[in-house]
Amino acid sequence: MSYTRISMAAISLTLLVASCGGSGQSASDGGTDRGAGGAMGGAAGSTASGGAGGSAGSGGAATGGGGATAAGGTGNGSAGAGGSGGTAGNGGTAGSDGTAGTSGGNCVGAGDCPDGACFQGLDGVTRCVKAMPPPLLDCQSGDPTCCASDAVCTHGVGGRCLPRPGNPCGGAAPFGNACSYDKCAADADCRTGMPAGATVSACVPSGAFPGIYVATCIYGGCRTDADCTLHPGGQCTYGNAATHNGMCDLRQVFFCAYPSDPCQGANTGCQTFLFLCLPQENYQGRICSAPPPAYP
């Protein structure tokens, strides 16, 4: 009789355990798994609990699913309650944007070049430029117009004390130095002086090209290589202008030079060394031409 009571208690305990719903599974990192609900029905007269939903891992985007509803017991047991949903994880922090670099060169404005100017070269790249003036000449005694340093050049903007330039068409070499000042501050300042046939006017700062020591207006038919499309391989070039009817009008311009030009460089391809390879009147390509006349 005692043996029978023990067996019945064991059976009741077994049935009571079986009536409880299964626990939900924990979601792995990322919270993509869902918790499993209680699957077993309760014993007679008891209520089966639904399994708890799995909790989402850190950074998870998915919400844990509820447990499946347990089936009713063979007696008067109620159906198991549904499992609770898992908690969604916190989203990750978005990375910060990278710092934008400068546009195509080493400067974007005058503030980037405290000792010079920011200038777009003929290749389209912006760079800081600064002129290194040539050595000054000695001043002759009794010449009040000769300067000895930039400090005395105060009658204009960007004053520089420079050796007096010689006549481009010959003549005696000048003596002493003279003050030179900026001729422009922006491209717009050069438009009124644009010669016939030119399509580009640019205020070129000191140091942008050899021989330019104060801001100077330069004219021509291109501003960057991208403007030279008449033939393949075009490059916008700074150099001597075309000569006109034996006149002494030596000046510097921007023109397009092409690999297909009949002459290259200073006079390569010209039949006589007396001719120079100079741009055509329309600034498109180069031809061999007589230089400006040199007067004694």
C-alpha atoms as a PDB file:
ATOM      1  CA  MET A   1       0.000   0.000   0.000  1.00  0.00           C
ATOM      2  CA  SER A   2       2.857   2.334   0.838  1.00  0.00           C
ATOM      3  CA  TYR A   3       4.577   1.441  -2.451  1.00  0.00           C
ATOM      4  CA  THR A   4       1.414   2.453  -4.386  1.00  0.00           C
ATOM      5  CA  ARG A   5       1.326   5.976  -2.833  1.00  0.00           C
ATOM      6  CA  ILE A   6       4.933   6.625  -3.731  1.00  0.00           C
ATOM      7  CA  SER A   7       4.325   5.612  -7.340  1.00  0.00           C
ATOM      8  CA  MET A   8       1.270   7.872  -7.676  1.00  0.00           C
ATOM      9  CA  ALA A   9       3.181  10.860  -6.265  1.00  0.00           C
ATOM     10  CA  ALA A  10       5.969  10.323  -8.728  1.00  0.00           C
ATOM     11  CA  ILE A  11       3.486  10.136 -11.549  1.00  0.00           C
ATOM     12  CA  SER A  12       1.787  13.381 -10.433  1.00  0.00           C
ATOM     13  CA  LEU A  13       5.134  15.139 -10.181  1.00  0.00           C
ATOM     14  CA  THR A  14       6.055  14.004 -13.668  1.00  0.00           C
ATOM     15  CA  LEU A  15       2.780  15.264 -15.093  1.00  0.00           C
ATOM     16  CA  LEU A  16       3.127  18.608 -13.312  1.00  0.00           C
ATOM     17  CA  VAL A  17       6.595  19.189 -14.810  1.00  0.00           C
ATOM     18  CA  ALA A  18       5.380  18.290 -18.270  1.00  0.00           C
ATOM     19  CA  SER A  19       2.595  20.876 -18.080  1.00  0.00           C
ATOM     20  CA  CYS A  20       5.045  23.834 -17.955  1.00  0.00           C
ATOM     21  CA  GLY A  21       5.853  25.528 -21.308  1.00  0.00           C
ATOM     22  CA  GLY A  22       9.450  25.418 -22.712  1.00  0.00           C
ATOM     23  CA  SER A  23      11.626  28.498 -22.134  1.00  0.00           C
ATOM     24  CA  GLY A  24      12.418  30.748 -25.114  1.00  0.00           C
ATOM     25  CA  GLN A  25      15.898  30.604 -26.588  1.00  0.00           C
ATOM     26  CA  SER A  26      18.159  33.612 -26.194  1.00  0.00           C
ATOM     27  CA  ALA A  27      18.917  35.334 -29.451  1.00  0.00           C
ATOM     28  CA  SER A  28      22.512  35.352 -30.579  1.00  0.00           C
ATOM     29  CA  ASP A  29      24.300  38.611 -31.276  1.00  0.00           C
ATOM     30  CA  GLY A  30      22.273  40.556 -33.777  1.00  0.00           C
ATOM     31  CA  GLY A  31      18.924  39.376 -32.292  1.00  0.00           C
ATOM     32  CA  THR A  32      17.896  37.289 -35.268  1.00  0.00           C
ATOM     33  CA  ASP A  33      16.691  34.124 -33.373  1.00  0.00           C
ATOM     34  CA  ARG A  34      13.251  33.947 -31.960  1.00  0.00           C
ATOM     35  CA  GLY A  35      12.289  32.405 -28.549  1.00  0.00           C
ATOM     36  CA  ALA A  36      10.515  29.055 -28.657  1.00  0.00           C
ATOM     37  CA  GLY A  37       7.105  28.930 -27.050  1.00  0.00           C
ATOM     38  CA  GLY A  38       5.808  26.218 -24.663  1.00  0.00           C
ATOM     39  CA  ALA A  39       5.088  23.121 -26.633  1.00  0.00           C
ATOM     40  CA  MET A  40       3.611  20.664 -24.139  1.00  0.00           C
ATOM     41  CA  GLY A  41       0.079  20.676 -22.887  1.00  0.00           C
ATOM     42  CA  GLY A  42      -0.563  20.930 -19.141  1.00  0.00           C
ATOM     43  CA  ALA A  43      -1.825  18.101 -17.021  1.00  0.00           C
ATOM     44  CA  ALA A  44      -5.488  17.827 -16.262  1.00  0.00           C
ATOM     45  CA  GLY A  45      -6.774  20.800 -14.314  1.00  0.00           C
ATOM     46  CA  SER A  46      -3.595  22.928 -14.697  1.00  0.00           C
ATOM     47  CA  THR A  47      -2.680  25.799 -17.019  1.00  0.00           C
ATOM     48  CA  ALA A  48       0.357  25.527 -19.273  1.00  0.00           C
ATOM     49  CA  SER A  49       2.528  28.704 -19.447  1.00  0.00           C
ATOM     50  CA  GLY A  50       3.798  29.893 -22.819  1.00  0.00           C
ATOM     51  CA  GLY A  51       7.586  30.173 -23.347  1.00  0.00           C
ATOM     52  CA  ALA A  52       9.201  33.617 -22.977  1.00  0.00           C
ATOM     53  CA  GLY A  53      10.420  35.269 -26.188  1.00  0.00           C
ATOM     54  CA  GLY A  54      14.203  35.394 -26.784  1.00  0.00           C
ATOM     55  CA  SER A  55      15.931  38.672 -25.982  1.00  0.00           C
ATOM     56  CA  ALA A  56      17.761  40.324 -28.849  1.00  0.00           C
ATOM     57  CA  GLY A  57      21.548  40.683 -28.688  1.00  0.00           C
ATOM     58  CA  SER A  58      23.297  44.023 -28.761  1.00  0.00           C
ATOM     59  CA  GLY A  59      22.784  45.916 -32.010  1.00  0.00           C
ATOM     60  CA  GLY A  60      20.050  43.471 -33.109  1.00  0.00           C
ATOM     61  CA  ALA A  61      17.442  44.638 -35.486  1.00  0.00           C
ATOM     62  CA  ALA A  62      14.921  41.843 -35.200  1.00  0.00           C
ATOM     63  CA  THR A  63      12.379  41.446 -32.368  1.00  0.00           C
ATOM     64  CA  GLY A  64      12.182  38.096 -30.588  1.00  0.00           C
ATOM     65  CA  GLY A  65       9.037  36.149 -31.411  1.00  0.00           C
ATOM     66  CA  GLY A  66       6.548  35.055 -28.834  1.00  0.00           C
ATOM     67  CA  GLY A  67       6.260  31.443 -27.628  1.00  0.00           C
ATOM     68  CA  ALA A  68       3.797  29.115 -29.262  1.00  0.00           C
ATOM     69  CA  THR A  69       0.548  28.600 -27.413  1.00  0.00           C
ATOM     70  CA  ALA A  70       0.502  25.288 -25.492  1.00  0.00           C
ATOM     71  CA  ALA A  71      -2.246  22.858 -26.242  1.00  0.00           C
ATOM     72  CA  GLY A  72      -4.842  22.253 -23.522  1.00  0.00           C
ATOM     73  CA  GLY A  73      -4.524  19.275 -21.118  1.00  0.00           C
ATOM     74  CA  THR A  74      -6.591  16.197 -21.265  1.00  0.00           C
ATOM     75  CA  GLY A  75      -8.713  17.490 -18.400  1.00  0.00           C
ATOM     76  CA  ASN A  76     -10.026  20.968 -17.871  1.00  0.00           C
ATOM     77  CA  GLY A  77      -6.658  22.728 -18.296  1.00  0.00           C
ATOM     78  CA  SER A  78      -6.586  26.086 -20.112  1.00  0.00           C
ATOM     79  CA  ALA A  79      -4.452  26.732 -23.117  1.00  0.00           C
ATOM     80  CA  GLY A  80      -0.945  28.025 -22.412  1.00  0.00           C
ATOM     81  CA  ALA A  81      -0.316  31.800 -22.576  1.00  0.00           C
ATOM     82  CA  GLY A  82       1.705  33.145 -25.500  1.00  0.00           C
ATOM     83  CA  GLY A  83       5.354  33.998 -24.878  1.00  0.00           C
ATOM     84  CA  SER A  84       6.399  37.635 -24.566  1.00  0.00           C
ATOM     85  CA  GLY A  85       8.245  39.279 -27.455  1.00  0.00           C
ATOM     86  CA  GLY A  86      12.018  39.805 -27.314  1.00  0.00           C
ATOM     87  CA  THR A  87      13.494  43.271 -26.769  1.00  0.00           C
ATOM     88  CA  ALA A  88      15.067  44.828 -29.848  1.00  0.00           C
ATOM     89  CA  GLY A  89      18.727  45.742 -29.516  1.00  0.00           C
ATOM     90  CA  ASN A  90      20.074  49.271 -29.809  1.00  0.00           C
ATOM     91  CA  GLY A  91      21.206  50.374 -33.247  1.00  0.00           C
ATOM     92  CA  GLY A  92      24.892  51.069 -33.911  1.00  0.00           C
ATOM     93  CA  THR A  93      26.293  54.595 -33.983  1.00  0.00           C
ATOM     94  CA  ALA A  94      26.825  55.947 -37.492  1.00  0.00           C
ATOM     95  CA  GLY A  95      30.385  56.809 -38.427  1.00  0.00           C
ATOM     96  CA  SER A  96      31.352  60.422 -38.957  1.00  0.00           C
ATOM     97  CA  ASP A  97      32.017  61.724 -42.459  1.00  0.00           C
ATOM     98  CA  GLY A  98      35.629  62.155 -43.608  1.00  0.00           C
ATOM     99  CA  THR A  99      37.101  65.607 -43.995  1.00  0.00           C
ATOM    100  CA  ALA A 100      36.847  66.866 -47.537  1.00  0.00           C
ATOM    101  CA  GLY A 101      40.128  67.629 -49.207  1.00  0.00           C
ATOM    102  CA  THR A 102      40.906  70.693 -51.189  1.00  0.00           C
ATOM    103  CA  SER A 103      39.666  70.919 -54.822  1.00  0.00           C
ATOM    104  CA  GLY A 104      42.328  69.505 -57.108  1.00  0.00           C
ATOM    105  CA  GLY A 105      45.446  71.177 -55.534  1.00  0.00           C
ATOM    106  CA  ASN A 106      47.174  72.590 -52.460  1.00  0.00           C
ATOM    107  CA  CYS A 107      45.028  75.713 -51.930  1.00  0.00           C
ATOM    108  CA  VAL A 108      41.451  76.920 -52.294  1.00  0.00           C
ATOM    109  CA  GLY A 109      41.875  80.602 -51.453  1.00  0.00           C
ATOM    110  CA  ALA A 110      44.252  83.384 -50.532  1.00  0.00           C
ATOM    111  CA  GLY A 111      44.071  82.354 -46.870  1.00  0.00           C
ATOM    112  CA  ASP A 112      45.928  79.128 -47.703  1.00  0.00           C
ATOM    113  CA  CYS A 113      48.932  81.054 -49.050  1.00  0.00           C
ATOM    114  CA  PRO A 114      49.959  83.655 -46.433  1.00  0.00           C
ATOM    115  CA  ASP A 115      53.214  84.446 -48.254  1.00  0.00           C
ATOM    116  CA  GLY A 116      51.899  84.310 -51.807  1.00  0.00           C
ATOM    117  CA  ALA A 117      48.768  83.796 -53.910  1.00  0.00           C
ATOM    118  CA  CYS A 118      46.517  80.856 -54.778  1.00  0.00           C
ATOM    119  CA  PHE A 119      46.550  80.448 -58.560  1.00  0.00           C
ATOM    120  CA  GLN A 120      44.980  77.946 -60.939  1.00  0.00           C
ATOM    121  CA  GLY A 121      47.731  76.722 -63.218  1.00  0.00           C
ATOM    122  CA  LEU A 122      47.277  76.041 -66.913  1.00  0.00           C
ATOM    123  CA  ASP A 123      46.900  72.331 -66.068  1.00  0.00           C
ATOM    124  CA  GLY A 124      43.810  73.209 -64.008  1.00  0.00           C
ATOM    125  CA  VAL A 125      45.426  72.567 -60.598  1.00  0.00           C
ATOM    126  CA  THR A 126      45.468  75.296 -57.942  1.00  0.00           C
ATOM    127  CA  ARG A 127      48.780  76.006 -56.213  1.00  0.00           C
ATOM    128  CA  CYS A 128      50.361  78.577 -53.940  1.00  0.00           C
ATOM    129  CA  VAL A 129      52.753  80.773 -55.922  1.00  0.00           C
ATOM    130  CA  LYS A 130      55.329  83.306 -54.764  1.00  0.00           C
ATOM    131  CA  ALA A 131      57.883  85.269 -56.730  1.00  0.00           C
ATOM    132  CA  MET A 132      61.586  85.430 -55.906  1.00  0.00           C
ATOM    133  CA  PRO A 133      62.681  88.756 -57.481  1.00  0.00           C
ATOM    134  CA  PRO A 134      66.041  88.965 -59.224  1.00  0.00           C
ATOM    135  CA  PRO A 135      68.963  90.706 -57.480  1.00  0.00           C
ATOM    136  CA  LEU A 136      68.737  94.492 -57.493  1.00  0.00           C
ATOM    137  CA  LEU A 137      71.149  96.654 -59.478  1.00  0.00           C
ATOM    138  CA  ASP A 138      73.238  99.453 -58.065  1.00  0.00           C
ATOM    139  CA  CYS A 139      71.716 102.898 -58.107  1.00  0.00           C
ATOM    140  CA  GLN A 140      73.705 105.628 -59.829  1.00  0.00           C
ATOM    141  CA  SER A 141      74.468 108.616 -57.743  1.00  0.00           C
ATOM    142  CA  GLY A 142      72.058 111.470 -58.312  1.00  0.00           C
ATOM    143  CA  ASP A 143      69.212 109.224 -59.566  1.00  0.00           C
ATOM    144  CA  PRO A 144      66.240 109.939 -57.274  1.00  0.00           C
ATOM    145  CA  THR A 145      64.003 107.466 -59.148  1.00  0.00           C
ATOM    146  CA  CYS A 146      66.169 104.458 -58.322  1.00  0.00           C
ATOM    147  CA  CYS A 147      64.866 102.335 -55.452  1.00  0.00           C
ATOM    148  CA  ALA A 148      66.908 100.153 -53.128  1.00  0.00           C
ATOM    149  CA  SER A 149      64.146  98.005 -51.525  1.00  0.00           C
ATOM    150  CA  ASP A 150      60.424  97.229 -51.592  1.00  0.00           C
ATOM    151  CA  ALA A 151      59.969  99.404 -48.522  1.00  0.00           C
ATOM    152  CA  VAL A 152      60.139 102.614 -50.565  1.00  0.00           C
ATOM    153  CA  CYS A 153      57.527 101.424 -53.116  1.00  0.00           C
ATOM    154  CA  THR A 154      54.434 102.788 -51.384  1.00  0.00           C
ATOM    155  CA  HIS A 155      52.533 104.549 -54.187  1.00  0.00           C
ATOM    156  CA  GLY A 156      50.436 101.564 -55.200  1.00  0.00           C
ATOM    157  CA  VAL A 157      49.341  98.027 -54.293  1.00  0.00           C
ATOM    158  CA  GLY A 158      51.913  95.245 -54.160  1.00  0.00           C
ATOM    159  CA  GLY A 159      54.870  97.530 -54.667  1.00  0.00           C
ATOM    160  CA  ARG A 160      58.135  95.802 -55.597  1.00  0.00           C
ATOM    161  CA  CYS A 161      61.557  97.256 -56.253  1.00  0.00           C
ATOM    162  CA  LEU A 162      62.837  95.548 -59.424  1.00  0.00           C
ATOM    163  CA  PRO A 163      65.680  96.021 -61.913  1.00  0.00           C
ATOM    164  CA  ARG A 164      64.547  98.273 -64.723  1.00  0.00           C
ATOM    165  CA  PRO A 165      63.461  96.123 -67.698  1.00  0.00           C
ATOM    166  CA  GLY A 166      65.305  96.473 -70.965  1.00  0.00           C
ATOM    167  CA  ASN A 167      63.660  97.148 -74.277  1.00  0.00           C
ATOM    168  CA  PRO A 168      62.456  93.758 -75.655  1.00  0.00           C
ATOM    169  CA  CYS A 169      63.552  94.807 -79.117  1.00  0.00           C
ATOM    170  CA  GLY A 170      67.092  95.730 -78.188  1.00  0.00           C
ATOM    171  CA  GLY A 171      68.785  98.946 -77.175  1.00  0.00           C
ATOM    172  CA  ALA A 172      71.136  99.860 -74.354  1.00  0.00           C
ATOM    173  CA  ALA A 173      70.736  98.028 -71.081  1.00  0.00           C
ATOM    174  CA  PRO A 174      69.063 100.195 -68.427  1.00  0.00           C
ATOM    175  CA  PHE A 175      70.670 101.113 -65.110  1.00  0.00           C
ATOM    176  CA  GLY A 176      69.276 100.872 -61.619  1.00  0.00           C
ATOM    177  CA  ASN A 177      65.922  99.794 -60.247  1.00  0.00           C
ATOM    178  CA  ALA A 178      62.354 101.085 -60.316  1.00  0.00           C
ATOM    179  CA  CYS A 179      59.173 100.496 -58.349  1.00  0.00           C
ATOM    180  CA  SER A 180      56.528  98.283 -59.960  1.00  0.00           C
ATOM    181  CA  TYR A 181      52.969  97.806 -58.732  1.00  0.00           C
ATOM    182  CA  ASP A 182      50.135  95.300 -59.244  1.00  0.00           C
ATOM    183  CA  LYS A 183      48.215  95.947 -62.449  1.00  0.00           C
ATOM    184  CA  CYS A 184      45.129  94.010 -61.338  1.00  0.00           C
ATOM    185  CA  ALA A 185      43.499  92.221 -58.406  1.00  0.00           C
ATOM    186  CA  ALA A 186      41.039  89.927 -60.254  1.00  0.00           C
ATOM    187  CA  ASP A 187      40.348  88.666 -63.783  1.00  0.00           C
ATOM    188  CA  ALA A 188      37.553  91.209 -64.153  1.00  0.00           C
ATOM    189  CA  ASP A 189      40.096  94.025 -63.908  1.00  0.00           C
ATOM    190  CA  CYS A 190      41.672  92.857 -67.187  1.00  0.00           C
ATOM    191  CA  ARG A 191      38.638  92.634 -69.436  1.00  0.00           C
ATOM    192  CA  THR A 192      38.669  96.202 -70.684  1.00  0.00           C
ATOM    193  CA  GLY A 193      42.154  95.782 -72.123  1.00  0.00           C
ATOM    194  CA  MET A 194      41.500  92.521 -73.973  1.00  0.00           C
ATOM    195  CA  PRO A 195      42.988  92.702 -77.487  1.00  0.00           C
ATOM    196  CA  ALA A 196      41.042  91.729 -80.587  1.00  0.00           C
ATOM    197  CA  GLY A 197      40.866  87.970 -81.129  1.00  0.00           C
ATOM    198  CA  ALA A 198      41.553  87.054 -77.504  1.00  0.00           C
ATOM    199  CA  THR A 199      38.925  85.057 -75.634  1.00  0.00           C
ATOM    200  CA  VAL A 200      40.574  84.875 -72.212  1.00  0.00           C
ATOM    201  CA  SER A 201      41.766  87.524 -69.779  1.00  0.00           C
ATOM    202  CA  ALA A 202      43.444  86.579 -66.508  1.00  0.00           C
ATOM    203  CA  CYS A 203      45.036  88.456 -63.633  1.00  0.00           C
ATOM    204  CA  VAL A 204      48.226  86.479 -63.066  1.00  0.00           C
ATOM    205  CA  PRO A 205      49.807  86.913 -59.621  1.00  0.00           C
ATOM    206  CA  SER A 206      53.457  87.413 -58.831  1.00  0.00           C
ATOM    207  CA  GLY A 207      55.413  84.182 -59.220  1.00  0.00           C
ATOM    208  CA  ALA A 208      52.913  82.303 -61.383  1.00  0.00           C
ATOM    209  CA  PHE A 209      55.270  82.353 -64.389  1.00  0.00           C
ATOM    210  CA  PRO A 210      58.923  83.321 -64.907  1.00  0.00           C
ATOM    211  CA  GLY A 211      59.433  87.061 -65.104  1.00  0.00           C
ATOM    212  CA  ILE A 212      56.131  88.016 -63.417  1.00  0.00           C
ATOM    213  CA  TYR A 213      56.907  89.847 -60.162  1.00  0.00           C
ATOM    214  CA  VAL A 214      53.707  91.910 -59.776  1.00  0.00           C
ATOM    215  CA  ALA A 215      50.110  90.951 -60.653  1.00  0.00           C
ATOM    216  CA  THR A 216      49.767  91.321 -64.423  1.00  0.00           C
ATOM    217  CA  CYS A 217      47.000  90.937 -67.024  1.00  0.00           C
ATOM    218  CA  ILE A 218      47.626  88.120 -69.514  1.00  0.00           C
ATOM    219  CA  TYR A 219      45.402  87.493 -72.539  1.00  0.00           C
ATOM    220  CA  GLY A 220      44.997  84.676 -75.016  1.00  0.00           C
ATOM    221  CA  GLY A 221      42.859  81.853 -76.335  1.00  0.00           C
ATOM    222  CA  CYS A 222      42.817  79.393 -73.412  1.00  0.00           C
ATOM    223  CA  ARG A 223      42.951  79.283 -69.635  1.00  0.00           C
ATOM    224  CA  THR A 224      43.545  75.579 -68.989  1.00  0.00           C
ATOM    225  CA  ASP A 225      44.379  72.481 -71.036  1.00  0.00           C
ATOM    226  CA  ALA A 226      40.670  71.648 -71.156  1.00  0.00           C
ATOM    227  CA  ASP A 227      40.161  74.606 -73.528  1.00  0.00           C
ATOM    228  CA  CYS A 228      42.519  73.171 -76.159  1.00  0.00           C
ATOM    229  CA  THR A 229      40.373  70.719 -78.108  1.00  0.00           C
ATOM    230  CA  LEU A 230      41.060  71.593 -81.759  1.00  0.00           C
ATOM    231  CA  HIS A 231      43.511  68.670 -82.023  1.00  0.00           C
ATOM    232  CA  PRO A 232      44.393  65.743 -79.710  1.00  0.00           C
ATOM    233  CA  GLY A 233      46.834  66.355 -76.867  1.00  0.00           C
ATOM    234  CA  GLY A 234      46.320  70.113 -76.635  1.00  0.00           C
ATOM    235  CA  GLN A 235      48.024  72.047 -73.822  1.00  0.00           C
ATOM    236  CA  CYS A 236      47.441  75.625 -72.765  1.00  0.00           C
ATOM    237  CA  THR A 237      50.850  77.340 -72.846  1.00  0.00           C
ATOM    238  CA  TYR A 238      52.356  80.620 -71.651  1.00  0.00           C
ATOM    239  CA  GLY A 239      54.783  82.210 -74.074  1.00  0.00           C
ATOM    240  CA  ASN A 240      55.588  84.883 -76.661  1.00  0.00           C
ATOM    241  CA  ALA A 241      52.726  86.189 -78.767  1.00  0.00           C
ATOM    242  CA  ALA A 242      52.674  86.231 -82.557  1.00  0.00           C
ATOM    243  CA  THR A 243      54.553  89.070 -84.221  1.00  0.00           C
ATOM    244  CA  HIS A 244      52.849  91.618 -86.445  1.00  0.00           C
ATOM    245  CA  ASN A 245      54.313  93.157 -89.589  1.00  0.00           C
ATOM    246  CA  GLY A 246      57.787  93.686 -88.214  1.00  0.00           C
ATOM    247  CA  MET A 247      56.534  95.678 -85.231  1.00  0.00           C
ATOM    248  CA  CYS A 248      58.242  95.450 -81.859  1.00  0.00           C
ATOM    249  CA  ASP A 249      55.257  94.167 -79.884  1.00  0.00           C
ATOM    250  CA  LEU A 250      56.828  91.381 -77.852  1.00  0.00           C
ATOM    251  CA  ARG A 251      54.381  90.267 -75.142  1.00  0.00           C
ATOM    252  CA  GLN A 252      53.285  87.113 -73.360  1.00  0.00           C
ATOM    253  CA  VAL A 253      49.999  85.275 -74.015  1.00  0.00           C
ATOM    254  CA  PHE A 254      48.136  82.017 -73.335  1.00  0.00           C
ATOM    255  CA  PHE A 255      47.820  79.821 -76.428  1.00  0.00           C
ATOM    256  CA  CYS A 256      47.062  76.196 -77.343  1.00  0.00           C
ATOM    257  CA  ALA A 257      50.013  74.039 -78.362  1.00  0.00           C
ATOM    258  CA  TYR A 258      49.461  70.663 -80.046  1.00  0.00           C
ATOM    259  CA  PRO A 259      51.757  67.694 -80.767  1.00  0.00           C
ATOM    260  CA  SER A 260      50.733  68.008 -84.423  1.00  0.00           C
ATOM    261  CA  ASP A 261      52.029  71.594 -84.760  1.00  0.00           C
ATOM    262  CA  PRO A 262      54.671  71.960 -87.514  1.00  0.00           C
ATOM    263  CA  CYS A 263      57.112  73.308 -84.930  1.00  0.00           C
ATOM    264  CA  GLN A 264      57.703  72.603 -81.251  1.00  0.00           C
ATOM    265  CA  GLY A 265      59.358  74.416 -78.375  1.00  0.00           C
ATOM    266  CA  ALA A 266      61.272  77.607 -79.185  1.00  0.00           C
ATOM    267  CA  ASN A 267      62.163  76.840 -82.807  1.00  0.00           C
ATOM    268  CA  THR A 268      62.317  73.066 -83.251  1.00  0.00           C
ATOM    269  CA  GLY A 269      61.059  72.240 -86.735  1.00  0.00           C
ATOM    270  CA  CYS A 270      61.774  75.672 -88.212  1.00  0.00           C
ATOM    271  CA  GLN A 271      63.957  75.669 -91.328  1.00  0.00           C
ATOM    272  CA  THR A 272      66.092  78.557 -90.144  1.00  0.00           C
ATOM    273  CA  PHE A 273      67.358  79.415 -86.698  1.00  0.00           C
ATOM    274  CA  LEU A 274      66.328  83.034 -87.322  1.00  0.00           C
ATOM    275  CA  PHE A 275      62.678  82.016 -87.002  1.00  0.00           C
ATOM    276  CA  LEU A 276      60.849  81.220 -83.795  1.00  0.00           C
ATOM    277  CA  CYS A 277      58.009  78.786 -83.135  1.00  0.00           C
ATOM    278  CA  LEU A 278      55.248  81.230 -82.206  1.00  0.00           C
ATOM    279  CA  PRO A 279      51.459  80.909 -81.778  1.00  0.00           C
ATOM    280  CA  GLN A 280      49.105  81.679 -84.600  1.00  0.00           C
ATOM    281  CA  GLU A 281      46.929  84.781 -84.484  1.00  0.00           C
ATOM    282  CA  ASN A 282      43.941  82.796 -83.205  1.00  0.00           C
ATOM    283  CA  TYR A 283      46.034  81.232 -80.395  1.00  0.00           C
ATOM    284  CA  GLN A 284      45.396  77.747 -81.818  1.00  0.00           C
ATOM    285  CA  GLY A 285      48.639  75.947 -82.679  1.00  0.00           C
ATOM    286  CA  ARG A 286      52.152  77.197 -83.550  1.00  0.00           C
ATOM    287  CA  ILE A 287      53.988  78.075 -86.743  1.00  0.00           C
ATOM    288  CA  CYS A 288      57.494  79.263 -87.594  1.00  0.00           C
ATOM    289  CA  SER A 289      57.576  83.024 -87.649  1.00  0.00           C
ATOM    290  CA  ALA A 290      60.104  85.864 -87.712  1.00  0.00           C
ATOM    291  CA  PRO A 291      60.796  87.297 -84.251  1.00  0.00           C
ATOM    292  CA  PRO A 292      60.182  90.941 -83.389  1.00  0.00           C
ATOM    293  CA  PRO A 293      62.837  93.167 -84.944  1.00  0.00           C
ATOM    294  CA  ALA A 294      65.838  93.951 -82.782  1.00  0.00           C
ATOM    295  CA  TYR A 295      66.856  97.571 -82.883  1.00  0.00           C
ATOM    296  CA  PRO A 296      70.322  98.671 -81.842  1.00  0.00           C
END
